[in-house]
Amino acid sequence: METLVWSSFNTCLDCAVAINILDFDAQFRLWPKQRSLQKKSRRKSLLRVSSLANLLSPKANRKQDTLKRTLSFKVPLAPHVSNKCHAPSAISPYKAPPPSPGRCRLSRTWSDMMNGDSSTLTRLSNNDIKLQEAIYELYQGELDLIEDLNVVKNTYQDSMRKLQLMTEGELQQIFGPLDDLIPIHEELVNRLKGQRLPDGTTGEIGQQLVDWVPNLRVYVPFCANQVFGKVLLDEKKEEPAIDDFLQRCQDSPFSRKLDLWGLLDGARSRFMKYPLLLKSILKYSSGWLDTELLGEAVRLAESVVADADRRTGEAKCIYFRSRITYLYEDQRHSAIETACTLLCNGTLKNNKGSKLQLFLFDTIVVLTRLVTQGGQQRFQVYRDPIPVCELLLEDLKDGEVKMGSFRTAFSSSQTSKNIFRVSHVDSNKAQSHTLMCNDEHDKRQWLHCFKIAINAVPKTPTDNVSLKSESSEGE
């Protein structure tokens, strides 16, 4: 309905004729009727729209949408789930967040620490600066080791105990005497701090090291225990709960992307380096008294490390002897059961290119193949073992022997490097083995261990032990 709008003036401006204004709203009551008609038309249009919406969407979805709108400011919307699959299995599984960036350990030298005091650096000689650098390397390494050991104790050992992921006996076998390691390194840090002078330099520390090095003997059972601890840890990683816990810890920044065994073995590696660290300090020491004391500290450290090597060899001997299996009964030898120490073991290749596991015990040499029996790794004896007292060792030159399969034996490009041969002094008793090492360093290590084993055999006039080397060290 249209509404007439009249001028608000009572007289015409052109002709001055009076104009009578009619109030249509008041006289004919047009506005209330118009409003009621508009409301009815709106209601009908809304009903038509709502009825069309009901046909397109069910009532349950309208209620769910209403609930989502009311809760939109409280909780995030749930992910869309298909109507075909309402089972709990249709929900997407938990996805771990991306790993945090590892926390890098900054290497800082003594000169970096003294960068603000140029007067001290200028008055010291080059030898004195190297001495301070060697002492500071020892000091900073102790701080880093203490930090790693605290991470192992608080984050791994204590957490596994609280979560009951392992028994107390299993934790003791994996971590060993961990609680005894942290105090001895904190003691060395305090001793070095006590010798630090006001100008930032460290005085004579020979006596401090002589008094402290015997504390390192706690590492002897720690290193021997690692042989069995590593085996148990690898077995426990097969359990999903423990594997998930270790993986979460490794992805955290505090671990520096190292797994649990990397942190534990880092302590053993640090222990093995003490003789070298002390020799570095001794090299630049000038005082005669401090030099004598540092030399004594080096000898004490070497003695402790040698004792740890011996105990570790005994533990390895016990473990690997229990893992050796025999294809034939005549391969059994009494020298395997009486062996006390494992001098060296590793993977080598024979002249056919096959990988063999070689075990050099103090009494016998055993070549094996890696097999799996009952879900566990075993070492199956390959050929007949050779007693050390009847061993013949030959150091072969590079290219002297052809290595490889029958197909590559006639190839001129096939060269052999880093090889040696072990055989029985009586060629009728056992077969000889030509073995290839990974590199020159690996070969030197094997020859060194073989010489130690041969030289440890008691010498008698009828002794058959021999060492044949075509390229002696003196040449």
Foldseek 3Di string as FASTA:
>chain_A
DDDDDDDPDQADPPPRHGDDDDDCCVPVVPVVVVVVVVVVVVVVVVVVVVVVVCVVDPPVVVVVVVVCVVCVVPDPDDDDDDPVDPDPVSDDDDDDDAFDAADDDDDDFLCNVCVVPVVVVVVDDPLQRLLQRLLVVLLVVLVVLLLLLCCCVPVPLVVCVVVVLDDPVLSCLQQPVSVLPNVLSVQVNVLQVVQADPSGGGDQCLVVLLVRLVSLLSCLVVLQSNVRNVVSVVVSCVDVVVVVSQVVVLSHRSVSNDTSVRSSVVVVVVLLCVLVSLVSSLVSDDDPVSNVSSVSSSVSSVVSNVSSQFSNQQSVLVVQLVQEDEPDPVQDDVQSVVFRGFLDWDWWAWQARDIWIWTDTLFWIFIFDWDADPNDIGTYTDWHIETLLFKEKEDDAKQPDHGHRPVCSPPPPGIAHLWMKMDGNPCVPTDITIIHDPDNVRSVSVVVSSVVSNVPPDDDPPGNRDYHYPDDPVD
